[in-house]
Amino acid sequence: MTTLLHIDASPRAERSLSRRLSRRFVGALSARAPGLEVVRRDLAAAPPPLMSEAWIAAAFTPPAARDAAMEEALAWSDAAIAEVVRADIIVIGTPMHNYGMPAALKAWFDQVIRIGETFSFDLGRGDQPIEPKLSGKRLVVLSSRGEFGFAPGGPRARLNHLDPHISTAALYLGVAPDAIRTVAIEYQEFADERHARSTAEAEAAVDALAAAFAGGAARAA
């Protein structure tokens, strides 16, 4: 059975374009792959806790030596990591906020990228001591941007701190850079025909992506 972890980070509800895209993708894939298991996490409805000194101390304490307070400090992280470990496909619906991640999505990454769980650290490796522990997962990033031209070669490509950050962090979730697919709606703040065209193109791209993923999900069922 294929498991999909569906994450939404937009603070908006019905007005959110990234949620609209993520719902469309998950719905289309589910229709094509009836055995798909979907795990849902809404980071706006239930925001991740921020990292704290207590969290860091607990994370760097060997599991056998943790006390009850440490276990409690890591409980949210443990549950979120378990979802990532189970997932074959991770779908993230997120807006671009100030050219980067929304705070809730950054907090989620901070909770799930954890020493001993999703990466190992060994100074015996020299200057490359960190290695991911997970592999073989696929990531779909469905986003919305108020401006335009954030793709490579675009007029605002250098301002795009969302996609590169996600790609870097995703490595520690078991996602290789070539296993990431991104679809974005642009021109939202302009609300003109370019925005309408970008929305239609993004929806068509999402449908095509779901159809492409359905073959793999069916084979894994």
N, C-alpha and C. Protein backbone atom coordinates (compact mmCIF):
# COMPACT_ATOMS: atom_id res chain seq x y z
N MET A 1 0.83 -1.20 0.00
CA MET A 1 0.00 0.00 0.00
C MET A 1 0.87 1.25 0.00
N THR A 2 0.50 2.22 -0.80
CA THR A 2 1.21 3.50 -0.85
C THR A 2 0.59 4.45 0.16
N THR A 3 1.44 5.14 0.92
CA THR A 3 0.98 6.11 1.91
C THR A 3 1.40 7.51 1.48
N LEU A 4 0.46 8.44 1.53
CA LEU A 4 0.70 9.84 1.17
C LEU A 4 0.51 10.71 2.40
N LEU A 5 1.48 11.53 2.71
CA LEU A 5 1.37 12.50 3.80
C LEU A 5 1.03 13.85 3.19
N HIS A 6 -0.16 14.35 3.53
CA HIS A 6 -0.68 15.60 2.96
C HIS A 6 -0.54 16.70 4.01
N ILE A 7 0.30 17.69 3.71
CA ILE A 7 0.56 18.79 4.63
C ILE A 7 0.11 20.10 4.00
N ASP A 8 -0.62 20.90 4.76
CA ASP A 8 -0.96 22.25 4.34
C ASP A 8 -0.41 23.24 5.34
N ALA A 9 0.15 24.35 4.83
CA ALA A 9 0.78 25.33 5.71
C ALA A 9 0.15 26.71 5.65
N SER A 10 -0.78 26.92 4.73
CA SER A 10 -1.36 28.25 4.59
C SER A 10 -2.25 28.61 5.78
N PRO A 11 -2.11 29.84 6.32
CA PRO A 11 -3.02 30.27 7.38
C PRO A 11 -4.43 30.56 6.86
N ARG A 12 -4.58 30.68 5.55
CA ARG A 12 -5.89 30.87 4.97
C ARG A 12 -6.62 29.54 4.86
N ALA A 13 -7.94 29.62 4.84
CA ALA A 13 -8.75 28.40 4.71
C ALA A 13 -9.28 28.31 3.28
N GLU A 14 -10.53 28.68 3.07
CA GLU A 14 -11.13 28.55 1.75
C GLU A 14 -10.48 29.47 0.71
N ARG A 15 -9.88 30.55 1.13
CA ARG A 15 -9.27 31.49 0.19
C ARG A 15 -7.87 31.07 -0.24
N SER A 16 -7.36 29.98 0.32
CA SER A 16 -5.99 29.57 0.04
C SER A 16 -5.86 28.88 -1.31
N LEU A 17 -4.98 29.39 -2.14
CA LEU A 17 -4.73 28.76 -3.43
C LEU A 17 -3.85 27.53 -3.30
N SER A 18 -2.91 27.56 -2.36
CA SER A 18 -2.06 26.37 -2.19
C SER A 18 -2.88 25.19 -1.66
N ARG A 19 -3.82 25.44 -0.77
CA ARG A 19 -4.71 24.37 -0.30
C ARG A 19 -5.57 23.85 -1.46
N ARG A 20 -6.00 24.76 -2.30
CA ARG A 20 -6.80 24.36 -3.46
C ARG A 20 -6.01 23.39 -4.34
N LEU A 21 -4.74 23.70 -4.57
CA LEU A 21 -3.91 22.82 -5.39
C LEU A 21 -3.65 21.49 -4.70
N SER A 22 -3.35 21.53 -3.40
CA SER A 22 -3.04 20.27 -2.71
C SER A 22 -4.27 19.37 -2.64
N ARG A 23 -5.44 19.96 -2.40
CA ARG A 23 -6.68 19.16 -2.40
C ARG A 23 -6.90 18.54 -3.77
N ARG A 24 -6.64 19.31 -4.80
CA ARG A 24 -6.86 18.82 -6.16
C ARG A 24 -5.93 17.64 -6.45
N PHE A 25 -4.66 17.77 -6.08
CA PHE A 25 -3.72 16.69 -6.34
C PHE A 25 -4.08 15.44 -5.56
N VAL A 26 -4.32 15.59 -4.26
CA VAL A 26 -4.63 14.42 -3.43
C VAL A 26 -5.92 13.77 -3.88
N GLY A 27 -6.92 14.58 -4.22
CA GLY A 27 -8.18 14.02 -4.69
C GLY A 27 -8.03 13.28 -6.00
N ALA A 28 -7.28 13.86 -6.94
CA ALA A 28 -7.08 13.22 -8.25
C ALA A 28 -6.28 11.94 -8.12
N LEU A 29 -5.26 11.94 -7.27
CA LEU A 29 -4.47 10.73 -7.10
C LEU A 29 -5.26 9.65 -6.39
N SER A 30 -6.04 10.04 -5.38
CA SER A 30 -6.86 9.06 -4.66
C SER A 30 -7.87 8.41 -5.59
N ALA A 31 -8.44 9.18 -6.50
CA ALA A 31 -9.41 8.63 -7.44
C ALA A 31 -8.78 7.62 -8.39
N ARG A 32 -7.52 7.85 -8.72
CA ARG A 32 -6.82 6.96 -9.65
C ARG A 32 -6.14 5.79 -8.95
N ALA A 33 -5.92 5.92 -7.64
CA ALA A 33 -5.24 4.87 -6.87
C ALA A 33 -6.08 4.59 -5.62
N PRO A 34 -7.14 3.80 -5.75
CA PRO A 34 -8.10 3.61 -4.64
C PRO A 34 -7.47 3.07 -3.36
N GLY A 35 -6.35 2.36 -3.45
CA GLY A 35 -5.73 1.82 -2.25
C GLY A 35 -4.84 2.81 -1.52
N LEU A 36 -4.76 4.03 -2.01
CA LEU A 36 -3.87 5.04 -1.41
C LEU A 36 -4.32 5.37 0.00
N GLU A 37 -3.38 5.34 0.94
CA GLU A 37 -3.65 5.77 2.31
C GLU A 37 -3.19 7.21 2.46
N VAL A 38 -4.08 8.09 2.90
CA VAL A 38 -3.75 9.51 3.04
C VAL A 38 -3.72 9.87 4.52
N VAL A 39 -2.59 10.44 4.94
CA VAL A 39 -2.42 10.95 6.30
C VAL A 39 -2.39 12.48 6.19
N ARG A 40 -3.22 13.14 6.98
CA ARG A 40 -3.40 14.59 6.86
C ARG A 40 -2.80 15.32 8.05
N ARG A 41 -2.08 16.41 7.79
CA ARG A 41 -1.59 17.28 8.86
C ARG A 41 -1.74 18.72 8.41
N ASP A 42 -2.57 19.48 9.13
CA ASP A 42 -2.82 20.89 8.84
C ASP A 42 -2.01 21.74 9.82
N LEU A 43 -0.98 22.38 9.34
CA LEU A 43 -0.07 23.12 10.21
C LEU A 43 -0.63 24.45 10.67
N ALA A 44 -1.69 24.91 10.02
CA ALA A 44 -2.34 26.14 10.49
C ALA A 44 -3.36 25.82 11.57
N ALA A 45 -4.10 24.75 11.40
CA ALA A 45 -5.10 24.36 12.40
C ALA A 45 -4.44 23.89 13.69
N ALA A 46 -3.30 23.22 13.57
CA ALA A 46 -2.58 22.71 14.75
C ALA A 46 -1.10 23.00 14.54
N PRO A 47 -0.66 24.23 14.85
CA PRO A 47 0.73 24.63 14.56
C PRO A 47 1.75 23.80 15.34
N PRO A 48 2.87 23.51 14.72
CA PRO A 48 3.94 22.79 15.43
C PRO A 48 4.50 23.66 16.54
N PRO A 49 4.94 23.05 17.63
CA PRO A 49 5.63 23.83 18.65
C PRO A 49 6.99 24.27 18.14
N LEU A 50 7.45 25.41 18.63
CA LEU A 50 8.78 25.88 18.25
C LEU A 50 9.85 25.13 19.03
N MET A 51 11.02 25.03 18.45
CA MET A 51 12.13 24.41 19.16
C MET A 51 12.45 25.24 20.42
N SER A 52 12.83 24.54 21.48
CA SER A 52 13.16 25.20 22.74
C SER A 52 14.43 24.57 23.30
N GLU A 53 14.95 25.18 24.36
CA GLU A 53 16.14 24.60 25.00
C GLU A 53 15.83 23.20 25.51
N ALA A 54 14.62 23.02 26.06
CA ALA A 54 14.24 21.70 26.57
C ALA A 54 14.16 20.68 25.43
N TRP A 55 13.64 21.12 24.28
CA TRP A 55 13.54 20.22 23.12
C TRP A 55 14.92 19.79 22.66
N ILE A 56 15.83 20.76 22.54
CA ILE A 56 17.19 20.45 22.07
C ILE A 56 17.89 19.50 23.04
N ALA A 57 17.75 19.77 24.33
CA ALA A 57 18.38 18.89 25.33
C ALA A 57 17.83 17.48 25.21
N ALA A 58 16.53 17.35 25.03
CA ALA A 58 15.92 16.03 24.91
C ALA A 58 16.37 15.32 23.64
N ALA A 59 16.42 16.05 22.52
CA ALA A 59 16.79 15.44 21.25
C ALA A 59 18.22 14.92 21.27
N PHE A 60 19.09 15.59 21.99
CA PHE A 60 20.50 15.18 22.02
C PHE A 60 20.82 14.25 23.20
N THR A 61 19.79 13.84 23.94
CA THR A 61 19.96 12.85 25.00
C THR A 61 19.62 11.47 24.44
N PRO A 62 20.45 10.46 24.66
CA PRO A 62 20.11 9.12 24.16
C PRO A 62 18.74 8.69 24.67
N PRO A 63 17.94 8.02 23.84
CA PRO A 63 16.57 7.66 24.23
C PRO A 63 16.48 6.95 25.59
N ALA A 64 17.40 6.05 25.87
CA ALA A 64 17.34 5.30 27.12
C ALA A 64 17.56 6.18 28.34
N ALA A 65 18.16 7.36 28.14
CA ALA A 65 18.47 8.24 29.27
C ALA A 65 17.45 9.37 29.44
N ARG A 66 16.44 9.43 28.60
CA ARG A 66 15.46 10.52 28.69
C ARG A 66 14.49 10.29 29.83
N ASP A 67 14.15 11.39 30.50
CA ASP A 67 13.14 11.30 31.56
C ASP A 67 11.77 11.64 30.97
N ALA A 68 10.75 11.64 31.81
CA ALA A 68 9.38 11.86 31.33
C ALA A 68 9.22 13.24 30.71
N ALA A 69 9.88 14.25 31.28
CA ALA A 69 9.77 15.61 30.73
C ALA A 69 10.38 15.69 29.34
N MET A 70 11.48 15.00 29.14
CA MET A 70 12.11 14.97 27.82
C MET A 70 11.23 14.27 26.80
N GLU A 71 10.64 13.16 27.21
CA GLU A 71 9.75 12.45 26.31
C GLU A 71 8.55 13.31 25.92
N GLU A 72 8.05 14.06 26.87
CA GLU A 72 6.93 14.96 26.58
C GLU A 72 7.36 16.06 25.62
N ALA A 73 8.58 16.58 25.81
CA ALA A 73 9.08 17.65 24.94
C ALA A 73 9.20 17.18 23.49
N LEU A 74 9.43 15.89 23.29
CA LEU A 74 9.62 15.34 21.95
C LEU A 74 8.38 14.66 21.39
N ALA A 75 7.28 14.68 22.12
CA ALA A 75 6.09 13.91 21.71
C ALA A 75 5.56 14.37 20.36
N TRP A 76 5.45 15.67 20.14
CA TRP A 76 4.94 16.18 18.86
C TRP A 76 5.88 15.76 17.74
N SER A 77 7.17 15.93 17.97
CA SER A 77 8.17 15.55 16.99
C SER A 77 8.10 14.07 16.67
N ASP A 78 7.97 13.23 17.69
CA ASP A 78 7.89 11.79 17.48
C ASP A 78 6.73 11.43 16.55
N ALA A 79 5.57 12.04 16.80
CA ALA A 79 4.39 11.73 16.00
C ALA A 79 4.57 12.20 14.55
N ALA A 80 5.13 13.40 14.38
CA ALA A 80 5.33 13.94 13.03
C ALA A 80 6.38 13.14 12.26
N ILE A 81 7.43 12.72 12.95
CA ILE A 81 8.46 11.91 12.29
C ILE A 81 7.88 10.56 11.87
N ALA A 82 7.05 9.96 12.71
CA ALA A 82 6.44 8.68 12.36
C ALA A 82 5.62 8.80 11.07
N GLU A 83 4.96 9.94 10.87
CA GLU A 83 4.20 10.16 9.64
C GLU A 83 5.12 10.23 8.43
N VAL A 84 6.25 10.91 8.59
CA VAL A 84 7.21 11.01 7.49
C VAL A 84 7.79 9.64 7.16
N VAL A 85 8.13 8.88 8.18
CA VAL A 85 8.73 7.56 7.96
C VAL A 85 7.76 6.66 7.18
N ARG A 86 6.47 6.72 7.51
CA ARG A 86 5.47 5.87 6.85
C ARG A 86 5.22 6.30 5.41
N ALA A 87 5.43 7.57 5.10
CA ALA A 87 5.00 8.12 3.82
C ALA A 87 5.89 7.68 2.67
N ASP A 88 5.26 7.35 1.56
CA ASP A 88 5.97 7.13 0.30
C ASP A 88 5.99 8.42 -0.52
N ILE A 89 4.92 9.20 -0.38
CA ILE A 89 4.77 10.47 -1.08
C ILE A 89 4.44 11.54 -0.04
N ILE A 90 5.11 12.67 -0.12
CA ILE A 90 4.80 13.81 0.75
C ILE A 90 4.31 14.94 -0.14
N VAL A 91 3.16 15.49 0.19
CA VAL A 91 2.57 16.60 -0.55
C VAL A 91 2.50 17.80 0.38
N ILE A 92 3.13 18.89 -0.02
CA ILE A 92 3.13 20.11 0.79
C ILE A 92 2.43 21.22 0.01
N GLY A 93 1.33 21.72 0.56
CA GLY A 93 0.68 22.89 0.03
C GLY A 93 1.12 24.09 0.85
N THR A 94 1.76 25.07 0.22
CA THR A 94 2.29 26.20 0.99
C THR A 94 2.33 27.47 0.16
N PRO A 95 2.00 28.60 0.77
CA PRO A 95 2.24 29.87 0.09
C PRO A 95 3.70 30.26 0.24
N MET A 96 4.14 31.23 -0.54
CA MET A 96 5.43 31.87 -0.33
C MET A 96 5.19 33.09 0.55
N HIS A 97 5.82 33.11 1.72
CA HIS A 97 5.70 34.25 2.63
C HIS A 97 7.03 34.98 2.71
N ASN A 98 7.03 36.24 2.32
CA ASN A 98 8.26 37.03 2.38
C ASN A 98 9.41 36.30 1.68
N TYR A 99 9.07 35.67 0.56
CA TYR A 99 10.02 34.98 -0.32
C TYR A 99 10.54 33.66 0.24
N GLY A 100 9.96 33.19 1.32
CA GLY A 100 10.39 31.93 1.90
C GLY A 100 9.23 31.14 2.47
N MET A 101 9.55 30.27 3.43
CA MET A 101 8.53 29.42 4.05
C MET A 101 7.66 30.19 5.04
N PRO A 102 6.37 29.82 5.15
CA PRO A 102 5.58 30.28 6.29
C PRO A 102 6.20 29.74 7.58
N ALA A 103 5.99 30.45 8.67
CA ALA A 103 6.59 30.06 9.95
C ALA A 103 6.18 28.65 10.37
N ALA A 104 4.93 28.29 10.12
CA ALA A 104 4.45 26.96 10.54
C ALA A 104 5.17 25.85 9.80
N LEU A 105 5.46 26.06 8.52
CA LEU A 105 6.16 25.02 7.75
C LEU A 105 7.61 24.91 8.21
N LYS A 106 8.26 26.04 8.48
CA LYS A 106 9.63 25.99 9.01
C LYS A 106 9.65 25.26 10.34
N ALA A 107 8.66 25.51 11.19
CA ALA A 107 8.60 24.83 12.49
C ALA A 107 8.41 23.33 12.30
N TRP A 108 7.62 22.94 11.30
CA TRP A 108 7.43 21.50 11.03
C TRP A 108 8.75 20.85 10.63
N PHE A 109 9.47 21.48 9.70
CA PHE A 109 10.78 20.94 9.31
C PHE A 109 11.71 20.83 10.52
N ASP A 110 11.68 21.83 11.40
CA ASP A 110 12.54 21.79 12.58
C ASP A 110 12.18 20.62 13.50
N GLN A 111 10.91 20.25 13.52
CA GLN A 111 10.47 19.15 14.38
C GLN A 111 10.79 17.78 13.78
N VAL A 112 10.79 17.67 12.46
CA VAL A 112 10.96 16.35 11.85
C VAL A 112 12.39 16.05 11.41
N ILE A 113 13.23 17.07 11.29
CA ILE A 113 14.64 16.83 10.98
C ILE A 113 15.37 16.76 12.32
N ARG A 114 15.65 15.53 12.76
CA ARG A 114 16.14 15.34 14.13
C ARG A 114 17.23 14.29 14.19
N ILE A 115 18.25 14.60 14.93
CA ILE A 115 19.39 13.70 15.08
C ILE A 115 18.94 12.34 15.64
N GLY A 116 19.46 11.30 15.06
CA GLY A 116 19.13 9.95 15.49
C GLY A 116 17.84 9.41 14.92
N GLU A 117 17.04 10.29 14.33
CA GLU A 117 15.75 9.88 13.78
C GLU A 117 15.74 9.98 12.26
N THR A 118 15.99 11.17 11.75
CA THR A 118 16.00 11.34 10.29
C THR A 118 17.40 11.61 9.74
N PHE A 119 18.36 11.84 10.63
CA PHE A 119 19.75 11.92 10.17
C PHE A 119 20.68 11.44 11.28
N SER A 120 21.84 10.98 10.85
CA SER A 120 22.88 10.58 11.80
C SER A 120 24.02 11.58 11.75
N PHE A 121 24.78 11.63 12.84
CA PHE A 121 25.91 12.57 12.93
C PHE A 121 27.11 11.80 13.44
N ASP A 122 28.19 11.79 12.65
CA ASP A 122 29.38 11.04 13.02
C ASP A 122 30.61 11.81 12.56
N LEU A 123 31.38 12.31 13.53
CA LEU A 123 32.58 13.07 13.19
C LEU A 123 33.63 12.19 12.52
N GLY A 124 33.46 10.89 12.58
CA GLY A 124 34.36 9.99 11.87
C GLY A 124 34.25 10.16 10.36
N ARG A 125 33.21 10.82 9.88
CA ARG A 125 33.06 11.09 8.45
C ARG A 125 33.82 12.34 8.02
N GLY A 126 34.53 12.95 8.94
CA GLY A 126 35.29 14.16 8.60
C GLY A 126 34.42 15.38 8.49
N ASP A 127 34.59 16.13 7.42
CA ASP A 127 33.86 17.39 7.26
C ASP A 127 32.44 17.21 6.74
N GLN A 128 32.01 15.96 6.53
CA GLN A 128 30.64 15.67 6.11
C GLN A 128 30.02 14.72 7.12
N PRO A 129 29.80 15.18 8.36
CA PRO A 129 29.37 14.24 9.42
C PRO A 129 27.89 13.87 9.38
N ILE A 130 27.08 14.62 8.63
CA ILE A 130 25.63 14.41 8.64
C ILE A 130 25.22 13.55 7.44
N GLU A 131 24.42 12.52 7.73
CA GLU A 131 23.87 11.70 6.66
C GLU A 131 22.39 11.44 6.90
N PRO A 132 21.55 11.55 5.86
CA PRO A 132 20.14 11.21 6.00
C PRO A 132 19.96 9.73 6.31
N LYS A 133 18.94 9.41 7.09
CA LYS A 133 18.65 8.01 7.41
C LYS A 133 17.51 7.45 6.55
N LEU A 134 16.74 8.34 5.92
CA LEU A 134 15.61 7.92 5.11
C LEU A 134 15.94 8.09 3.63
N SER A 135 15.23 7.38 2.79
CA SER A 135 15.47 7.50 1.34
C SER A 135 14.24 7.01 0.58
N GLY A 136 14.24 7.28 -0.72
CA GLY A 136 13.25 6.70 -1.62
C GLY A 136 11.88 7.35 -1.62
N LYS A 137 11.74 8.53 -1.00
CA LYS A 137 10.43 9.19 -0.94
C LYS A 137 10.32 10.22 -2.06
N ARG A 138 9.08 10.55 -2.42
CA ARG A 138 8.83 11.58 -3.43
C ARG A 138 8.09 12.74 -2.79
N LEU A 139 8.37 13.94 -3.28
CA LEU A 139 7.79 15.16 -2.71
C LEU A 139 7.14 15.98 -3.81
N VAL A 140 5.92 16.44 -3.52
CA VAL A 140 5.20 17.36 -4.40
C VAL A 140 4.98 18.65 -3.62
N VAL A 141 5.47 19.76 -4.16
CA VAL A 141 5.30 21.07 -3.52
C VAL A 141 4.33 21.88 -4.38
N LEU A 142 3.22 22.26 -3.78
CA LEU A 142 2.17 23.01 -4.48
C LEU A 142 2.03 24.36 -3.80
N SER A 143 2.38 25.41 -4.51
CA SER A 143 2.50 26.71 -3.84
C SER A 143 1.82 27.82 -4.60
N SER A 144 1.71 28.95 -3.91
CA SER A 144 1.15 30.17 -4.50
C SER A 144 2.07 31.33 -4.15
N ARG A 145 2.18 32.26 -5.11
CA ARG A 145 3.07 33.40 -4.92
C ARG A 145 2.34 34.68 -5.35
N GLY A 146 2.47 35.72 -4.57
CA GLY A 146 1.79 36.97 -4.89
C GLY A 146 2.36 37.65 -6.12
N GLU A 147 3.69 37.52 -6.31
CA GLU A 147 4.33 38.12 -7.48
C GLU A 147 4.55 37.03 -8.54
N PHE A 148 5.56 37.19 -9.37
CA PHE A 148 5.76 36.24 -10.46
C PHE A 148 7.25 36.17 -10.82
N GLY A 149 7.60 35.17 -11.62
CA GLY A 149 8.96 35.07 -12.13
C GLY A 149 9.95 34.46 -11.17
N PHE A 150 9.51 33.49 -10.34
CA PHE A 150 10.39 32.89 -9.33
C PHE A 150 11.07 31.61 -9.83
N ALA A 151 10.68 31.12 -10.99
CA ALA A 151 11.30 29.91 -11.53
C ALA A 151 12.72 30.24 -12.00
N PRO A 152 13.59 29.23 -12.13
CA PRO A 152 14.95 29.49 -12.62
C PRO A 152 14.93 30.27 -13.92
N GLY A 153 15.73 31.33 -13.98
CA GLY A 153 15.77 32.18 -15.16
C GLY A 153 14.78 33.32 -15.13
N GLY A 154 13.85 33.32 -14.16
CA GLY A 154 12.85 34.37 -14.06
C GLY A 154 13.41 35.63 -13.42
N PRO A 155 12.69 36.75 -13.54
CA PRO A 155 13.19 38.02 -13.01
C PRO A 155 13.30 38.06 -11.48
N ARG A 156 12.61 37.17 -10.79
CA ARG A 156 12.69 37.13 -9.33
C ARG A 156 13.28 35.81 -8.81
N ALA A 157 13.96 35.08 -9.67
CA ALA A 157 14.51 33.78 -9.26
C ALA A 157 15.44 33.92 -8.06
N ARG A 158 16.21 35.00 -8.00
CA ARG A 158 17.15 35.15 -6.89
C ARG A 158 16.45 35.42 -5.56
N LEU A 159 15.17 35.80 -5.62
CA LEU A 159 14.40 36.06 -4.41
C LEU A 159 13.68 34.82 -3.91
N ASN A 160 13.73 33.75 -4.67
CA ASN A 160 13.00 32.54 -4.31
C ASN A 160 13.79 31.75 -3.26
N HIS A 161 13.42 31.96 -2.01
CA HIS A 161 14.05 31.22 -0.91
C HIS A 161 13.15 30.09 -0.41
N LEU A 162 12.00 29.91 -1.05
CA LEU A 162 11.08 28.84 -0.67
C LEU A 162 11.52 27.50 -1.26
N ASP A 163 11.61 27.42 -2.58
CA ASP A 163 11.93 26.15 -3.24
C ASP A 163 13.31 25.62 -2.89
N PRO A 164 14.36 26.45 -2.91
CA PRO A 164 15.68 25.92 -2.53
C PRO A 164 15.74 25.43 -1.08
N HIS A 165 15.06 26.14 -0.19
CA HIS A 165 15.07 25.73 1.23
C HIS A 165 14.37 24.39 1.40
N ILE A 166 13.21 24.24 0.76
CA ILE A 166 12.49 22.97 0.84
C ILE A 166 13.33 21.84 0.25
N SER A 167 13.97 22.09 -0.89
CA SER A 167 14.78 21.06 -1.53
C SER A 167 15.94 20.63 -0.63
N THR A 168 16.58 21.58 0.02
CA THR A 168 17.69 21.26 0.92
C THR A 168 17.20 20.46 2.12
N ALA A 169 16.12 20.93 2.74
CA ALA A 169 15.61 20.26 3.94
C ALA A 169 15.02 18.89 3.61
N ALA A 170 14.44 18.76 2.42
CA ALA A 170 13.79 17.49 2.06
C ALA A 170 14.75 16.33 1.98
N LEU A 171 16.01 16.61 1.76
CA LEU A 171 17.01 15.54 1.71
C LEU A 171 17.00 14.74 3.01
N TYR A 172 16.71 15.42 4.13
CA TYR A 172 16.70 14.76 5.43
C TYR A 172 15.35 14.13 5.76
N LEU A 173 14.44 14.19 4.78
CA LEU A 173 13.18 13.45 4.88
C LEU A 173 13.21 12.23 3.95
N GLY A 174 14.33 12.02 3.30
CA GLY A 174 14.44 10.90 2.39
C GLY A 174 14.08 11.22 0.96
N VAL A 175 14.10 12.51 0.60
CA VAL A 175 13.72 12.94 -0.75
C VAL A 175 14.95 13.48 -1.48
N ALA A 176 15.34 12.84 -2.55
CA ALA A 176 16.44 13.33 -3.37
C ALA A 176 15.97 14.52 -4.20
N PRO A 177 16.88 15.42 -4.58
CA PRO A 177 16.47 16.60 -5.36
C PRO A 177 15.70 16.27 -6.63
N ASP A 178 16.03 15.15 -7.29
CA ASP A 178 15.33 14.81 -8.54
C ASP A 178 13.99 14.12 -8.29
N ALA A 179 13.61 13.96 -7.02
CA ALA A 179 12.32 13.36 -6.68
C ALA A 179 11.32 14.41 -6.20
N ILE A 180 11.61 15.68 -6.48
CA ILE A 180 10.73 16.79 -6.09
C ILE A 180 10.04 17.35 -7.32
N ARG A 181 8.74 17.53 -7.24
CA ARG A 181 7.98 18.18 -8.30
C ARG A 181 7.28 19.40 -7.70
N THR A 182 7.38 20.52 -8.40
CA THR A 182 6.82 21.78 -7.90
C THR A 182 5.86 22.37 -8.92
N VAL A 183 4.69 22.78 -8.44
CA VAL A 183 3.72 23.50 -9.26
C VAL A 183 3.32 24.75 -8.48
N ALA A 184 3.31 25.90 -9.16
CA ALA A 184 3.02 27.15 -8.45
C ALA A 184 2.04 28.02 -9.22
N ILE A 185 1.17 28.68 -8.47
CA ILE A 185 0.32 29.74 -9.01
C ILE A 185 1.00 31.07 -8.71
N GLU A 186 1.11 31.92 -9.73
CA GLU A 186 1.74 33.23 -9.53
C GLU A 186 0.76 34.36 -9.86
N TYR A 187 1.22 35.59 -9.69
CA TYR A 187 0.45 36.80 -10.02
C TYR A 187 -0.76 37.01 -9.10
N GLN A 188 -0.78 36.39 -7.92
CA GLN A 188 -1.97 36.47 -7.09
C GLN A 188 -2.34 37.91 -6.73
N GLU A 189 -1.33 38.72 -6.42
CA GLU A 189 -1.62 40.09 -6.00
C GLU A 189 -2.04 40.98 -7.17
N PHE A 190 -1.76 40.55 -8.39
CA PHE A 190 -2.14 41.34 -9.55
C PHE A 190 -3.59 41.10 -9.96
N ALA A 191 -4.08 39.87 -9.68
CA ALA A 191 -5.49 39.52 -9.92
C ALA A 191 -5.94 39.90 -11.33
N ASP A 192 -5.10 39.64 -12.32
CA ASP A 192 -5.44 39.98 -13.70
C ASP A 192 -5.49 38.71 -14.54
N GLU A 193 -5.47 38.87 -15.86
CA GLU A 193 -5.58 37.71 -16.73
C GLU A 193 -4.35 36.80 -16.60
N ARG A 194 -3.22 37.37 -16.21
CA ARG A 194 -2.03 36.53 -16.01
C ARG A 194 -2.22 35.60 -14.82
N HIS A 195 -2.88 36.09 -13.80
CA HIS A 195 -3.16 35.23 -12.64
C HIS A 195 -4.14 34.13 -13.02
N ALA A 196 -5.16 34.48 -13.78
CA ALA A 196 -6.13 33.47 -14.22
C ALA A 196 -5.44 32.42 -15.07
N ARG A 197 -4.55 32.84 -15.95
CA ARG A 197 -3.83 31.89 -16.80
C ARG A 197 -2.89 31.02 -15.97
N SER A 198 -2.20 31.63 -15.02
CA SER A 198 -1.29 30.87 -14.15
C SER A 198 -2.06 29.83 -13.34
N THR A 199 -3.25 30.20 -12.86
CA THR A 199 -4.07 29.27 -12.09
C THR A 199 -4.50 28.09 -12.95
N ALA A 200 -4.97 28.38 -14.15
CA ALA A 200 -5.42 27.31 -15.05
C ALA A 200 -4.25 26.38 -15.42
N GLU A 201 -3.10 26.97 -15.67
CA GLU A 201 -1.92 26.16 -16.02
C GLU A 201 -1.48 25.29 -14.85
N ALA A 202 -1.55 25.85 -13.64
CA ALA A 202 -1.16 25.08 -12.46
C ALA A 202 -2.13 23.92 -12.22
N GLU A 203 -3.41 24.17 -12.38
CA GLU A 203 -4.39 23.10 -12.19
C GLU A 203 -4.20 21.98 -13.21
N ALA A 204 -3.91 22.35 -14.46
CA ALA A 204 -3.66 21.34 -15.49
C ALA A 204 -2.39 20.55 -15.16
N ALA A 205 -1.37 21.24 -14.65
CA ALA A 205 -0.12 20.57 -14.28
C ALA A 205 -0.33 19.61 -13.11
N VAL A 206 -1.17 20.01 -12.16
CA VAL A 206 -1.48 19.15 -11.02
C VAL A 206 -2.20 17.89 -11.49
N ASP A 207 -3.15 18.04 -12.39
CA ASP A 207 -3.88 16.88 -12.91
C ASP A 207 -2.92 15.91 -13.62
N ALA A 208 -2.01 16.47 -14.42
CA ALA A 208 -1.05 15.62 -15.13
C ALA A 208 -0.10 14.94 -14.16
N LEU A 209 0.30 15.65 -13.13
CA LEU A 209 1.20 15.08 -12.14
C LEU A 209 0.53 13.95 -11.38
N ALA A 210 -0.74 14.14 -11.01
CA ALA A 210 -1.48 13.08 -10.32
C ALA A 210 -1.61 11.84 -11.19
N ALA A 211 -1.85 12.04 -12.47
CA ALA A 211 -1.95 10.90 -13.39
C ALA A 211 -0.61 10.16 -13.48
N ALA A 212 0.49 10.92 -13.49
CA ALA A 212 1.81 10.30 -13.56
C ALA A 212 2.12 9.52 -12.29
N PHE A 213 1.77 10.08 -11.14
CA PHE A 213 2.02 9.42 -9.87
C PHE A 213 1.13 8.21 -9.68
N ALA A 214 -0.05 8.20 -10.29
CA ALA A 214 -0.99 7.11 -10.07
C ALA A 214 -0.42 5.78 -10.52
N GLY A 215 0.37 5.77 -11.58
CA GLY A 215 0.96 4.52 -12.04
C GLY A 215 1.86 3.92 -11.00
N GLY A 216 2.69 4.74 -10.36
CA GLY A 216 3.57 4.25 -9.31
C GLY A 216 2.81 3.80 -8.09
N ALA A 217 1.77 4.55 -7.73
CA ALA A 217 0.97 4.15 -6.54
C ALA A 217 0.27 2.84 -6.78
N ALA A 218 -0.23 2.63 -8.00
CA ALA A 218 -0.92 1.38 -8.30
C ALA A 218 0.03 0.19 -8.23
N ARG A 219 1.27 0.39 -8.70
CA ARG A 219 2.24 -0.70 -8.68
C ARG A 219 2.65 -1.06 -7.26
N ALA A 220 2.60 -0.05 -6.34
CA ALA A 220 3.02 -0.30 -4.97
C ALA A 220 1.89 -0.86 -4.11
N ALA A 221 0.67 -0.80 -4.61
CA ALA A 221 -0.48 -1.24 -3.80
C ALA A 221 -0.47 -2.75 -3.60
